[in-house]
């Protein structure tokens, strides 16, 4: 599976890279903001996007999830702020709560 990590905290993103690799998946990129994430979704053959809700450019994770879904990519939120997500999770398949 080809995975995109959308996370502005590079310590967290960097910690996720070996988890993705150890699970046998391929990391296609790291994005810290909406525009970079959407560009990677458009350019790479992404299967799964792990998306933080609040990115470097603000509360733009929902935009990224919607773009992922419109590209046929499975989106999963990773956030410490689940109460700020829309009820329908913007169409995402799930949520991983960060401490």
Protein backbone atom coordinates (compact mmCIF):
# COMPACT_ATOMS: atom_id res chain seq x y z
CA UNK A 1 0.00 0.00 0.00
CA UNK A 2 1.25 3.49 -0.86
CA UNK A 3 0.86 5.86 2.11
CA UNK A 4 0.94 9.65 2.37
CA UNK A 5 1.50 11.18 5.81
CA UNK A 6 -0.01 14.65 6.23
CA UNK A 7 1.40 16.03 9.48
CA UNK A 8 3.08 19.35 10.29
CA UNK A 9 4.93 18.10 13.37
CA UNK A 10 8.00 16.45 11.85
CA UNK A 11 8.78 14.59 15.09
CA UNK A 12 5.40 12.85 14.84
CA UNK A 13 5.68 12.39 11.07
CA UNK A 14 9.21 11.03 11.40
CA UNK A 15 8.04 8.58 14.05
CA UNK A 16 5.35 7.31 11.72
CA UNK A 17 7.72 6.59 8.82
CA UNK A 18 9.23 3.41 10.32
CA UNK A 19 5.77 2.22 11.41
CA UNK A 20 4.54 2.48 7.81
CA UNK A 21 7.67 0.71 6.53
CA UNK A 22 7.60 -2.03 9.18
CA UNK A 23 3.99 -2.75 8.24
CA UNK A 24 5.21 -3.45 4.71
CA UNK A 25 3.86 -0.29 3.10
CA UNK A 26 5.57 2.30 0.92
CA UNK A 27 5.77 5.92 2.04
CA UNK A 28 5.08 8.18 -0.95
CA UNK A 29 5.61 11.44 0.89
CA UNK A 30 5.25 13.75 3.84
CA UNK A 31 3.20 16.92 3.66
CA UNK A 32 2.94 19.65 6.30
CA UNK A 33 0.29 21.80 4.60
CA UNK A 34 -2.81 21.53 2.42
CA UNK A 35 -1.25 22.54 -0.91
CA UNK A 36 1.66 20.11 -0.63
CA UNK A 37 -0.67 17.30 0.41
CA UNK A 38 -3.07 17.92 -2.47
CA UNK A 39 -0.18 18.11 -4.94
CA UNK A 40 1.09 14.73 -3.72
CA UNK A 41 -2.41 13.26 -3.90
CA UNK A 42 -2.65 14.42 -7.52
CA UNK A 43 0.87 13.31 -8.53
CA UNK A 44 1.47 10.06 -6.66
CA UNK A 45 -0.49 6.85 -6.72
CA UNK A 46 -1.60 7.10 -3.07
CA UNK A 47 -3.78 4.41 -1.48
CA UNK A 48 -3.99 5.73 2.09
CA UNK A 49 -3.62 9.25 3.49
CA UNK A 50 -3.05 9.66 7.24
CA UNK A 51 -4.11 13.24 7.91
CA UNK A 52 -3.71 15.55 10.89
CA UNK A 53 -6.57 18.01 11.32
CA UNK A 54 -4.46 21.10 12.06
CA UNK A 55 -1.60 21.61 9.63
CA UNK A 56 1.10 24.22 9.13
CA UNK A 57 -1.39 26.46 7.28
CA UNK A 58 -4.24 26.11 9.78
CA UNK A 59 -7.24 23.81 10.22
CA UNK A 60 -6.93 22.44 6.66
CA UNK A 61 -6.91 18.69 7.25
CA UNK A 62 -10.59 18.44 6.29
CA UNK A 63 -9.75 19.98 2.89
CA UNK A 64 -7.04 17.37 2.41
CA UNK A 65 -9.37 14.53 3.37
CA UNK A 66 -11.98 15.69 0.87
CA UNK A 67 -9.33 15.95 -1.85
CA UNK A 68 -8.07 12.47 -0.99
CA UNK A 69 -11.54 10.97 -1.21
CA UNK A 70 -12.23 12.71 -4.51
CA UNK A 71 -9.04 11.05 -5.82
CA UNK A 72 -10.20 7.61 -4.64
CA UNK A 73 -7.77 7.58 -1.70
CA UNK A 74 -8.75 6.22 1.69
CA UNK A 75 -8.40 8.99 4.28
CA UNK A 76 -7.91 8.51 8.02
CA UNK A 77 -7.62 11.42 10.44
CA UNK A 78 -4.97 11.53 13.18
CA UNK A 79 -5.72 14.30 15.63
CA UNK A 80 -5.77 15.34 19.27
CA UNK A 81 -8.85 17.43 18.44
CA UNK A 82 -11.53 14.95 17.32
CA UNK A 83 -14.34 17.20 18.58
CA UNK A 84 -13.44 19.67 15.82
CA UNK A 85 -14.06 17.17 13.02
CA UNK A 86 -17.35 17.26 11.13
CA UNK A 87 -19.85 14.58 12.14
CA UNK A 88 -19.34 12.74 8.86
CA UNK A 89 -15.53 12.94 9.26
CA UNK A 90 -15.54 14.71 5.85
CA UNK A 91 -15.93 11.26 4.34
CA UNK A 92 -12.81 9.84 5.99
CA UNK A 93 -12.82 6.15 6.90
CA UNK A 94 -11.70 6.61 10.46
CA UNK A 95 -9.94 8.46 13.22
CA UNK A 96 -6.80 7.78 15.21
CA UNK A 97 -6.74 9.95 18.34
CA UNK A 98 -3.36 11.41 19.27
CA UNK A 99 -2.64 12.10 22.94
